[in-house]
Amino acid sequence: MIPTITAEEVRQKLQNGEKLALIDVREEDEVAEGMIPEAEHIVMGTIPGELDRLDQETNYVIVCRSGVRSENVARFLIENGYKATNMTGGMLNYTGETAPKK
């Protein structure tokens, strides 16, 4: 079972000043349209090669467009000893602030 959090819960936590370790796994053209400013962008297909950048003690909230890719990445991370939560509904359901990738 993959832990989940809703897009609204993420928005509320960020609005309340909570620090979340967000990873946006969408493609470059998708994040160019806007992403959660606090998120780190790591394209889904590059995650296996980026594991050494991640901390196994940090719970990462994985974000994509609709929640399908992020669920797959969360599953992969968990299977490899990391802590991960899928943001269900993805950016389609996120109503908080977004900004183009920096």
Protein backbone atom coordinates (compact mmCIF):
# COMPACT_ATOMS: atom_id res chain seq x y z
CA MET A 1 0.00 0.00 0.00
CA ILE A 2 1.38 3.37 -1.06
CA PRO A 3 0.76 6.21 1.42
CA THR A 4 -1.24 9.08 -0.08
CA ILE A 5 -1.91 12.74 0.51
CA THR A 6 -4.40 14.87 -1.40
CA ALA A 7 -3.40 17.93 -3.41
CA GLU A 8 -5.55 20.00 -1.04
CA GLU A 9 -3.71 18.62 2.01
CA VAL A 10 -0.38 19.53 0.40
CA ARG A 11 -1.65 23.05 -0.34
CA GLN A 12 -2.86 23.49 3.25
CA LYS A 13 0.41 22.22 4.75
CA LEU A 14 2.46 24.58 2.59
CA GLN A 15 0.12 27.47 3.37
CA ASN A 16 0.60 26.72 7.09
CA GLY A 17 4.37 26.94 6.66
CA GLU A 18 5.11 23.22 6.89
CA LYS A 19 8.23 22.05 5.08
CA LEU A 20 7.52 19.23 2.66
CA ALA A 21 10.05 17.34 0.56
CA LEU A 22 8.21 17.52 -2.77
CA ILE A 23 9.51 15.86 -5.93
CA ASP A 24 7.76 16.71 -9.21
CA VAL A 25 8.36 13.84 -11.67
CA ARG A 26 6.71 15.40 -14.72
CA GLU A 27 8.48 16.10 -17.99
CA GLU A 28 10.30 19.39 -18.71
CA ASP A 29 7.47 20.80 -20.86
CA GLU A 30 4.95 20.08 -18.10
CA VAL A 31 6.87 21.87 -15.33
CA ALA A 32 7.54 24.80 -17.67
CA GLU A 33 3.80 25.51 -17.39
CA GLY A 34 4.04 25.65 -13.61
CA MET A 35 4.98 23.60 -10.59
CA ILE A 36 4.74 23.93 -6.83
CA PRO A 37 7.57 26.39 -6.06
CA GLU A 38 8.88 24.30 -3.13
CA ALA A 39 9.17 21.15 -5.27
CA GLU A 40 12.35 19.70 -6.69
CA HIS A 41 12.05 18.58 -10.31
CA ILE A 42 13.36 15.10 -11.13
CA VAL A 43 11.91 13.60 -14.33
CA MET A 44 10.36 10.18 -13.67
CA GLY A 45 12.67 8.31 -16.04
CA THR A 46 15.77 9.65 -14.29
CA ILE A 47 14.75 8.68 -10.73
CA PRO A 48 16.75 5.40 -10.63
CA GLY A 49 19.95 7.31 -11.42
CA GLU A 50 19.18 10.03 -8.86
CA LEU A 51 18.70 7.84 -5.77
CA ASP A 52 22.07 8.90 -4.33
CA ARG A 53 20.69 12.48 -4.10
CA LEU A 54 17.84 11.36 -1.86
CA ASP A 55 17.87 10.77 1.90
CA GLN A 56 16.33 7.50 3.06
CA GLU A 57 15.08 9.17 6.26
CA THR A 58 13.11 11.90 4.44
CA ASN A 59 9.48 11.30 3.49
CA TYR A 60 9.15 12.53 -0.09
CA VAL A 61 5.80 13.64 -1.50
CA ILE A 62 5.79 12.63 -5.16
CA VAL A 63 3.88 14.85 -7.62
CA CYS A 64 2.87 14.41 -11.27
CA ARG A 65 0.03 15.60 -13.50
CA SER A 66 -2.74 13.23 -12.34
CA GLY A 67 -1.25 10.95 -9.68
CA VAL A 68 -0.44 7.86 -11.77
CA ARG A 69 3.26 8.44 -12.47
CA SER A 70 3.79 9.70 -8.94
CA GLU A 71 2.23 6.50 -7.55
CA ASN A 72 4.66 4.43 -9.62
CA VAL A 73 7.64 6.51 -8.47
CA ALA A 74 6.50 6.32 -4.83
CA ARG A 75 6.24 2.54 -5.15
CA PHE A 76 9.73 2.35 -6.68
CA LEU A 77 11.21 4.51 -3.92
CA ILE A 78 9.55 2.46 -1.17
CA GLU A 79 10.76 -0.78 -2.76
CA ASN A 80 14.29 0.68 -2.68
CA GLY A 81 14.20 1.63 1.00
CA TYR A 82 12.99 5.23 0.77
CA LYS A 83 9.95 6.89 2.34
CA ALA A 84 7.45 8.23 -0.18
CA THR A 85 3.87 9.46 -0.36
CA ASN A 86 1.82 9.87 -3.52
CA MET A 87 -0.03 13.17 -4.05
CA THR A 88 -3.33 11.84 -5.39
CA GLY A 89 -4.95 13.76 -8.22
CA GLY A 90 -1.65 15.40 -9.07
CA MET A 91 -1.31 18.93 -10.34
CA LEU A 92 -4.75 18.67 -11.98
CA ASN A 93 -6.20 18.93 -8.46
CA TYR A 94 -3.67 21.38 -6.98
CA THR A 95 -5.13 24.84 -6.41
CA GLY A 96 -2.20 26.44 -4.61
CA GLU A 97 0.50 28.71 -5.96
CA THR A 98 2.52 27.48 -8.92
CA ALA A 99 5.42 28.94 -10.84
CA PRO A 100 7.36 27.96 -13.95
CA LYS A 101 10.43 25.86 -13.23
CA LYS A 102 13.38 28.02 -12.27
